Amino acid sequence: MVGWVILGVVVVLILAWLVFTYNGLVTARNRTQEAWSEIDVELKRRHDLIPNLVNTVQGYMGHERGTLEAVTNARANAVAAGATGDPTKIGQAENVLSQSLRSLFAVSENYPDLKAISAFTNLQENLTATEDKLEFSRRFYNGNVRDYNTKLQTLPTSLIAGALGFKPFGFFQADEGDRAVPQVSFNNLPPAASPGSLPPAAGPGGPPAPGSAGPPPQS
């Protein structure tokens, strides 16, 4: 009789642990996916601002058609990558877009008439604010990924996580090349009224680790 009681208690404890562990993993996964959605919101906001930026500067930077086309093409590629839902493709496309925007702002330093336009400065400030929010969202997302992946890799949870359908997420990291200041040639530019300084590096767009099952939601 005592043996059955002990067995019953053990079964109840195991079931309670399974329920507690499963609910904890679901909560961590949902929190991570929510953090990814914040990144997605800021990326879409940046995509919406860029056409207005290009329309504003193209009348003043006629000699910089290549730079403007690079921004436009990078934006189109980033939007297309976002539609795929593949974090790796999204990160790579956003890296290119960040680099093209930095080049555009670097060149704009040589056009004082453009910098005197409030529409341009407002767009530049909005894009800078968006980059700051992206950086914050990236850090928040990576923190949630770290906590979630740690749960998956820690015993005894790791023994059942895979069987329950939980997979690790990849970190959304800024690419090292994305952090470098772009090399811009001013050989064919008109003389600048006053030399400006390069703007700070744009926000993150690096992809999660290849092969990860990062957001969108896992299947």
C-alpha atoms as a PDB file:
ATOM      1  CA  MET A   1       0.000   0.000   0.000  1.00  0.00           C
ATOM      2  CA  VAL A   2       2.772   2.397   0.939  1.00  0.00           C
ATOM      3  CA  GLY A   3       4.524   1.590  -2.300  1.00  0.00           C
ATOM      4  CA  TRP A   4       1.486   2.632  -4.324  1.00  0.00           C
ATOM      5  CA  VAL A   5       1.214   5.861  -2.398  1.00  0.00           C
ATOM      6  CA  ILE A   6       4.858   6.655  -3.065  1.00  0.00           C
ATOM      7  CA  LEU A   7       4.427   5.802  -6.735  1.00  0.00           C
ATOM      8  CA  GLY A   8       1.366   8.036  -6.938  1.00  0.00           C
ATOM      9  CA  VAL A   9       3.233  10.927  -5.357  1.00  0.00           C
ATOM     10  CA  VAL A  10       6.135  10.495  -7.778  1.00  0.00           C
ATOM     11  CA  VAL A  11       3.763  10.468 -10.775  1.00  0.00           C
ATOM     12  CA  VAL A  12       2.018  13.610  -9.541  1.00  0.00           C
ATOM     13  CA  LEU A  13       5.344  15.370  -9.041  1.00  0.00           C
ATOM     14  CA  ILE A  14       6.521  14.413 -12.512  1.00  0.00           C
ATOM     15  CA  LEU A  15       3.289  15.633 -14.100  1.00  0.00           C
ATOM     16  CA  ALA A  16       3.489  18.876 -12.136  1.00  0.00           C
ATOM     17  CA  TRP A  17       7.060  19.406 -13.303  1.00  0.00           C
ATOM     18  CA  LEU A  18       6.083  18.732 -16.915  1.00  0.00           C
ATOM     19  CA  VAL A  19       3.235  21.241 -16.750  1.00  0.00           C
ATOM     20  CA  PHE A  20       5.406  23.866 -15.035  1.00  0.00           C
ATOM     21  CA  THR A  21       8.264  23.373 -17.511  1.00  0.00           C
ATOM     22  CA  TYR A  22       6.005  23.435 -20.562  1.00  0.00           C
ATOM     23  CA  ASN A  23       4.240  26.606 -19.437  1.00  0.00           C
ATOM     24  CA  GLY A  24       7.576  28.261 -18.697  1.00  0.00           C
ATOM     25  CA  LEU A  25       8.896  27.429 -22.165  1.00  0.00           C
ATOM     26  CA  VAL A  26       5.719  28.714 -23.831  1.00  0.00           C
ATOM     27  CA  THR A  27       5.975  31.973 -21.884  1.00  0.00           C
ATOM     28  CA  ALA A  28       9.635  32.427 -22.841  1.00  0.00           C
ATOM     29  CA  ARG A  29       8.944  31.632 -26.490  1.00  0.00           C
ATOM     30  CA  ASN A  30       6.026  34.068 -26.664  1.00  0.00           C
ATOM     31  CA  ARG A  31       8.112  36.784 -25.019  1.00  0.00           C
ATOM     32  CA  THR A  32      10.858  36.256 -27.593  1.00  0.00           C
ATOM     33  CA  GLN A  33       8.419  36.415 -30.491  1.00  0.00           C
ATOM     34  CA  GLU A  34       6.921  39.581 -29.038  1.00  0.00           C
ATOM     35  CA  ALA A  35      10.398  41.111 -28.863  1.00  0.00           C
ATOM     36  CA  TRP A  36      10.905  40.234 -32.539  1.00  0.00           C
ATOM     37  CA  SER A  37       7.651  41.972 -33.430  1.00  0.00           C
ATOM     38  CA  GLU A  38       9.044  45.192 -31.933  1.00  0.00           C
ATOM     39  CA  ILE A  39      12.026  44.947 -34.279  1.00  0.00           C
ATOM     40  CA  ASP A  40       9.648  44.377 -37.182  1.00  0.00           C
ATOM     41  CA  VAL A  41       7.651  47.518 -36.314  1.00  0.00           C
ATOM     42  CA  GLU A  42      10.765  49.701 -36.355  1.00  0.00           C
ATOM     43  CA  LEU A  43      12.002  48.181 -39.610  1.00  0.00           C
ATOM     44  CA  LYS A  44       8.677  48.937 -41.293  1.00  0.00           C
ATOM     45  CA  ARG A  45       8.784  52.479 -39.944  1.00  0.00           C
ATOM     46  CA  ARG A  46      12.226  52.963 -41.486  1.00  0.00           C
ATOM     47  CA  HIS A  47      10.983  51.555 -44.791  1.00  0.00           C
ATOM     48  CA  ASP A  48       8.114  54.066 -44.782  1.00  0.00           C
ATOM     49  CA  LEU A  49      10.419  57.041 -44.160  1.00  0.00           C
ATOM     50  CA  ILE A  50      12.943  56.290 -46.892  1.00  0.00           C
ATOM     51  CA  PRO A  51      10.787  57.151 -49.965  1.00  0.00           C
ATOM     52  CA  ASN A  52      10.109  60.601 -48.501  1.00  0.00           C
ATOM     53  CA  LEU A  53      13.829  61.021 -47.862  1.00  0.00           C
ATOM     54  CA  VAL A  54      14.753  60.121 -51.444  1.00  0.00           C
ATOM     55  CA  ASN A  55      12.090  62.458 -52.866  1.00  0.00           C
ATOM     56  CA  THR A  56      13.395  65.297 -50.696  1.00  0.00           C
ATOM     57  CA  VAL A  57      17.075  64.992 -51.584  1.00  0.00           C
ATOM     58  CA  GLN A  58      16.970  64.023 -55.255  1.00  0.00           C
ATOM     59  CA  GLY A  59      16.428  67.627 -56.391  1.00  0.00           C
ATOM     60  CA  TYR A  60      19.587  68.731 -54.565  1.00  0.00           C
ATOM     61  CA  MET A  61      21.790  65.712 -55.212  1.00  0.00           C
ATOM     62  CA  GLY A  62      21.394  65.258 -58.961  1.00  0.00           C
ATOM     63  CA  HIS A  63      25.031  64.232 -59.259  1.00  0.00           C
ATOM     64  CA  GLU A  64      24.492  61.427 -56.749  1.00  0.00           C
ATOM     65  CA  ARG A  65      22.097  59.267 -58.725  1.00  0.00           C
ATOM     66  CA  GLY A  66      24.101  56.159 -57.875  1.00  0.00           C
ATOM     67  CA  THR A  67      23.793  56.843 -54.149  1.00  0.00           C
ATOM     68  CA  LEU A  68      20.042  57.469 -54.396  1.00  0.00           C
ATOM     69  CA  GLU A  69      19.489  54.366 -56.485  1.00  0.00           C
ATOM     70  CA  ALA A  70      21.469  52.314 -53.980  1.00  0.00           C
ATOM     71  CA  VAL A  71      19.160  53.486 -51.178  1.00  0.00           C
ATOM     72  CA  THR A  72      16.025  52.840 -53.235  1.00  0.00           C
ATOM     73  CA  ASN A  73      17.161  49.370 -54.290  1.00  0.00           C
ATOM     74  CA  ALA A  74      18.294  48.477 -50.778  1.00  0.00           C
ATOM     75  CA  ARG A  75      14.928  49.550 -49.392  1.00  0.00           C
ATOM     76  CA  ALA A  76      13.080  47.440 -51.986  1.00  0.00           C
ATOM     77  CA  ASN A  77      15.242  44.424 -51.163  1.00  0.00           C
ATOM     78  CA  ALA A  78      14.657  44.914 -47.432  1.00  0.00           C
ATOM     79  CA  VAL A  79      10.890  45.041 -47.933  1.00  0.00           C
ATOM     80  CA  ALA A  80      11.033  41.900 -50.072  1.00  0.00           C
ATOM     81  CA  ALA A  81      13.163  40.127 -47.464  1.00  0.00           C
ATOM     82  CA  GLY A  82      10.701  41.093 -44.746  1.00  0.00           C
ATOM     83  CA  ALA A  83       7.886  39.495 -46.731  1.00  0.00           C
ATOM     84  CA  THR A  84       9.720  36.143 -46.706  1.00  0.00           C
ATOM     85  CA  GLY A  85       9.674  35.951 -42.914  1.00  0.00           C
ATOM     86  CA  ASP A  86      13.248  34.600 -42.966  1.00  0.00           C
ATOM     87  CA  PRO A  87      15.282  36.344 -40.223  1.00  0.00           C
ATOM     88  CA  THR A  88      18.582  35.636 -41.971  1.00  0.00           C
ATOM     89  CA  LYS A  89      17.463  37.238 -45.238  1.00  0.00           C
ATOM     90  CA  ILE A  90      15.917  40.142 -43.320  1.00  0.00           C
ATOM     91  CA  GLY A  91      19.137  40.789 -41.441  1.00  0.00           C
ATOM     92  CA  GLN A  92      21.310  40.725 -44.546  1.00  0.00           C
ATOM     93  CA  ALA A  93      19.000  43.086 -46.444  1.00  0.00           C
ATOM     94  CA  GLU A  94      18.768  45.491 -43.507  1.00  0.00           C
ATOM     95  CA  ASN A  95      22.571  45.564 -43.265  1.00  0.00           C
ATOM     96  CA  VAL A  96      22.798  46.735 -46.864  1.00  0.00           C
ATOM     97  CA  LEU A  97      20.066  49.322 -46.284  1.00  0.00           C
ATOM     98  CA  SER A  98      21.849  50.718 -43.219  1.00  0.00           C
ATOM     99  CA  GLN A  99      25.076  51.047 -45.179  1.00  0.00           C
ATOM    100  CA  SER A 100      23.379  52.834 -48.077  1.00  0.00           C
ATOM    101  CA  LEU A 101      21.673  55.283 -45.714  1.00  0.00           C
ATOM    102  CA  ARG A 102      24.968  56.097 -44.028  1.00  0.00           C
ATOM    103  CA  SER A 103      26.506  56.787 -47.425  1.00  0.00           C
ATOM    104  CA  LEU A 104      23.615  59.076 -48.333  1.00  0.00           C
ATOM    105  CA  PHE A 105      23.910  61.081 -45.120  1.00  0.00           C
ATOM    106  CA  ALA A 106      27.676  61.290 -45.530  1.00  0.00           C
ATOM    107  CA  VAL A 107      27.322  62.746 -49.020  1.00  0.00           C
ATOM    108  CA  SER A 108      24.584  65.147 -47.870  1.00  0.00           C
ATOM    109  CA  GLU A 109      27.147  66.893 -45.661  1.00  0.00           C
ATOM    110  CA  ASN A 110      28.499  68.487 -48.856  1.00  0.00           C
ATOM    111  CA  TYR A 111      25.160  70.069 -49.769  1.00  0.00           C
ATOM    112  CA  PRO A 112      24.526  72.938 -47.333  1.00  0.00           C
ATOM    113  CA  ASP A 113      21.346  73.981 -49.167  1.00  0.00           C
ATOM    114  CA  LEU A 114      19.903  70.537 -48.537  1.00  0.00           C
ATOM    115  CA  LYS A 115      20.828  70.562 -44.876  1.00  0.00           C
ATOM    116  CA  ALA A 116      18.993  73.877 -44.502  1.00  0.00           C
ATOM    117  CA  ILE A 117      15.683  72.277 -45.489  1.00  0.00           C
ATOM    118  CA  SER A 118      13.534  71.391 -42.485  1.00  0.00           C
ATOM    119  CA  ALA A 119      11.910  68.447 -44.275  1.00  0.00           C
ATOM    120  CA  PHE A 120      15.311  66.818 -44.742  1.00  0.00           C
ATOM    121  CA  THR A 121      16.499  67.456 -41.185  1.00  0.00           C
ATOM    122  CA  ASN A 122      13.195  66.149 -39.807  1.00  0.00           C
ATOM    123  CA  LEU A 123      13.486  62.975 -41.842  1.00  0.00           C
ATOM    124  CA  GLN A 124      17.085  62.549 -40.770  1.00  0.00           C
ATOM    125  CA  GLU A 125      16.110  62.977 -37.124  1.00  0.00           C
ATOM    126  CA  ASN A 126      13.229  60.522 -37.476  1.00  0.00           C
ATOM    127  CA  LEU A 127      15.484  57.937 -39.095  1.00  0.00           C
ATOM    128  CA  THR A 128      18.092  58.424 -36.383  1.00  0.00           C
ATOM    129  CA  ALA A 129      15.417  57.978 -33.700  1.00  0.00           C
ATOM    130  CA  THR A 130      14.227  54.840 -35.470  1.00  0.00           C
ATOM    131  CA  GLU A 131      17.768  53.465 -35.517  1.00  0.00           C
ATOM    132  CA  ASP A 132      18.038  54.100 -31.777  1.00  0.00           C
ATOM    133  CA  LYS A 133      14.785  52.222 -31.189  1.00  0.00           C
ATOM    134  CA  LEU A 134      16.033  49.392 -33.378  1.00  0.00           C
ATOM    135  CA  GLU A 135      19.163  49.126 -31.267  1.00  0.00           C
ATOM    136  CA  PHE A 136      17.097  48.974 -28.082  1.00  0.00           C
ATOM    137  CA  SER A 137      14.732  46.405 -29.608  1.00  0.00           C
ATOM    138  CA  ARG A 138      17.676  44.324 -30.763  1.00  0.00           C
ATOM    139  CA  ARG A 139      19.136  44.228 -27.281  1.00  0.00           C
ATOM    140  CA  PHE A 140      15.758  43.377 -25.769  1.00  0.00           C
ATOM    141  CA  TYR A 141      15.204  40.604 -28.293  1.00  0.00           C
ATOM    142  CA  ASN A 142      18.678  39.144 -27.807  1.00  0.00           C
ATOM    143  CA  GLY A 143      18.177  39.139 -24.033  1.00  0.00           C
ATOM    144  CA  ASN A 144      14.990  37.136 -24.432  1.00  0.00           C
ATOM    145  CA  VAL A 145      16.670  34.776 -26.881  1.00  0.00           C
ATOM    146  CA  ARG A 146      19.487  34.192 -24.401  1.00  0.00           C
ATOM    147  CA  ASP A 147      17.065  33.359 -21.579  1.00  0.00           C
ATOM    148  CA  TYR A 148      14.912  31.134 -23.773  1.00  0.00           C
ATOM    149  CA  ASN A 149      17.828  29.229 -25.304  1.00  0.00           C
ATOM    150  CA  THR A 150      19.342  28.752 -21.853  1.00  0.00           C
ATOM    151  CA  LYS A 151      16.139  27.083 -20.713  1.00  0.00           C
ATOM    152  CA  LEU A 152      16.277  24.724 -23.684  1.00  0.00           C
ATOM    153  CA  GLN A 153      19.899  23.787 -23.058  1.00  0.00           C
ATOM    154  CA  THR A 154      19.692  23.294 -19.294  1.00  0.00           C
ATOM    155  CA  LEU A 155      19.023  19.922 -17.698  1.00  0.00           C
ATOM    156  CA  PRO A 156      16.514  18.469 -17.147  1.00  0.00           C
ATOM    157  CA  THR A 157      14.488  20.730 -19.494  1.00  0.00           C
ATOM    158  CA  SER A 158      16.731  19.856 -22.428  1.00  0.00           C
ATOM    159  CA  LEU A 159      15.574  16.241 -22.162  1.00  0.00           C
ATOM    160  CA  ILE A 160      11.997  17.090 -23.126  1.00  0.00           C
ATOM    161  CA  ALA A 161      12.137  20.470 -24.928  1.00  0.00           C
ATOM    162  CA  GLY A 162      12.816  18.981 -28.346  1.00  0.00           C
ATOM    163  CA  ALA A 163      10.106  16.346 -27.946  1.00  0.00           C
ATOM    164  CA  LEU A 164       7.629  19.103 -27.055  1.00  0.00           C
ATOM    165  CA  GLY A 165       8.463  21.040 -30.235  1.00  0.00           C
ATOM    166  CA  PHE A 166      10.594  23.838 -28.799  1.00  0.00           C
ATOM    167  CA  LYS A 167      13.529  25.007 -30.926  1.00  0.00           C
ATOM    168  CA  PRO A 168      16.229  27.616 -30.231  1.00  0.00           C
ATOM    169  CA  PHE A 169      16.087  31.116 -31.672  1.00  0.00           C
ATOM    170  CA  GLY A 170      19.054  32.867 -33.265  1.00  0.00           C
ATOM    171  CA  PHE A 171      20.498  36.166 -32.059  1.00  0.00           C
ATOM    172  CA  PHE A 172      19.841  39.256 -34.147  1.00  0.00           C
ATOM    173  CA  GLN A 173      23.351  40.679 -34.335  1.00  0.00           C
ATOM    174  CA  ALA A 174      24.775  43.724 -36.066  1.00  0.00           C
ATOM    175  CA  ASP A 175      27.209  42.760 -38.780  1.00  0.00           C
ATOM    176  CA  GLU A 176      30.776  43.963 -38.258  1.00  0.00           C
ATOM    177  CA  GLY A 177      30.820  45.430 -41.762  1.00  0.00           C
ATOM    178  CA  ASP A 178      27.625  47.318 -40.946  1.00  0.00           C
ATOM    179  CA  ARG A 179      29.411  49.110 -38.120  1.00  0.00           C
ATOM    180  CA  ALA A 180      32.274  50.317 -40.292  1.00  0.00           C
ATOM    181  CA  VAL A 181      32.199  53.859 -41.661  1.00  0.00           C
ATOM    182  CA  PRO A 182      31.634  53.681 -45.434  1.00  0.00           C
ATOM    183  CA  GLN A 183      34.321  55.019 -47.747  1.00  0.00           C
ATOM    184  CA  VAL A 184      32.781  57.851 -49.771  1.00  0.00           C
ATOM    185  CA  SER A 185      34.554  59.588 -52.637  1.00  0.00           C
ATOM    186  CA  PHE A 186      33.990  63.335 -53.024  1.00  0.00           C
ATOM    187  CA  ASN A 187      36.126  63.752 -56.133  1.00  0.00           C
ATOM    188  CA  ASN A 188      33.190  64.699 -58.366  1.00  0.00           C
ATOM    189  CA  LEU A 189      31.256  66.722 -55.824  1.00  0.00           C
ATOM    190  CA  PRO A 190      30.928  70.531 -55.903  1.00  0.00           C
ATOM    191  CA  PRO A 191      33.035  72.358 -53.308  1.00  0.00           C
ATOM    192  CA  ALA A 192      31.500  72.204 -49.864  1.00  0.00           C
ATOM    193  CA  ALA A 193      30.658  75.395 -48.004  1.00  0.00           C
ATOM    194  CA  SER A 194      31.818  73.832 -44.778  1.00  0.00           C
ATOM    195  CA  PRO A 195      33.075  70.294 -44.316  1.00  0.00           C
ATOM    196  CA  GLY A 196      30.863  68.115 -42.170  1.00  0.00           C
ATOM    197  CA  SER A 197      31.537  65.026 -40.207  1.00  0.00           C
ATOM    198  CA  LEU A 198      30.262  61.580 -40.930  1.00  0.00           C
ATOM    199  CA  PRO A 199      27.060  60.647 -39.096  1.00  0.00           C
ATOM    200  CA  PRO A 200      27.064  57.918 -36.474  1.00  0.00           C
ATOM    201  CA  ALA A 201      26.609  54.368 -37.645  1.00  0.00           C
ATOM    202  CA  ALA A 202      23.087  53.279 -38.368  1.00  0.00           C
ATOM    203  CA  GLY A 203      21.220  50.779 -36.266  1.00  0.00           C
ATOM    204  CA  PRO A 204      21.441  47.001 -36.290  1.00  0.00           C
ATOM    205  CA  GLY A 205      20.329  44.702 -38.998  1.00  0.00           C
ATOM    206  CA  GLY A 206      22.504  41.650 -38.594  1.00  0.00           C
ATOM    207  CA  PRO A 207      20.908  38.259 -39.102  1.00  0.00           C
ATOM    208  CA  PRO A 208      20.326  35.630 -36.463  1.00  0.00           C
ATOM    209  CA  ALA A 209      22.668  32.684 -36.546  1.00  0.00           C
ATOM    210  CA  PRO A 210      22.272  30.575 -39.704  1.00  0.00           C
ATOM    211  CA  GLY A 211      20.114  27.525 -39.307  1.00  0.00           C
ATOM    212  CA  SER A 212      18.246  28.893 -36.322  1.00  0.00           C
ATOM    213  CA  ALA A 213      14.519  28.763 -35.950  1.00  0.00           C
ATOM    214  CA  GLY A 214      14.207  32.417 -35.025  1.00  0.00           C
ATOM    215  CA  PRO A 215      10.967  34.365 -35.307  1.00  0.00           C
ATOM    216  CA  PRO A 216       8.480  34.410 -37.030  1.00  0.00           C
ATOM    217  CA  PRO A 217       6.628  31.902 -34.799  1.00  0.00           C
ATOM    218  CA  GLN A 218       7.867  28.373 -34.772  1.00  0.00           C
ATOM    219  CA  SER A 219       5.880  25.683 -36.438  1.00  0.00           C
END
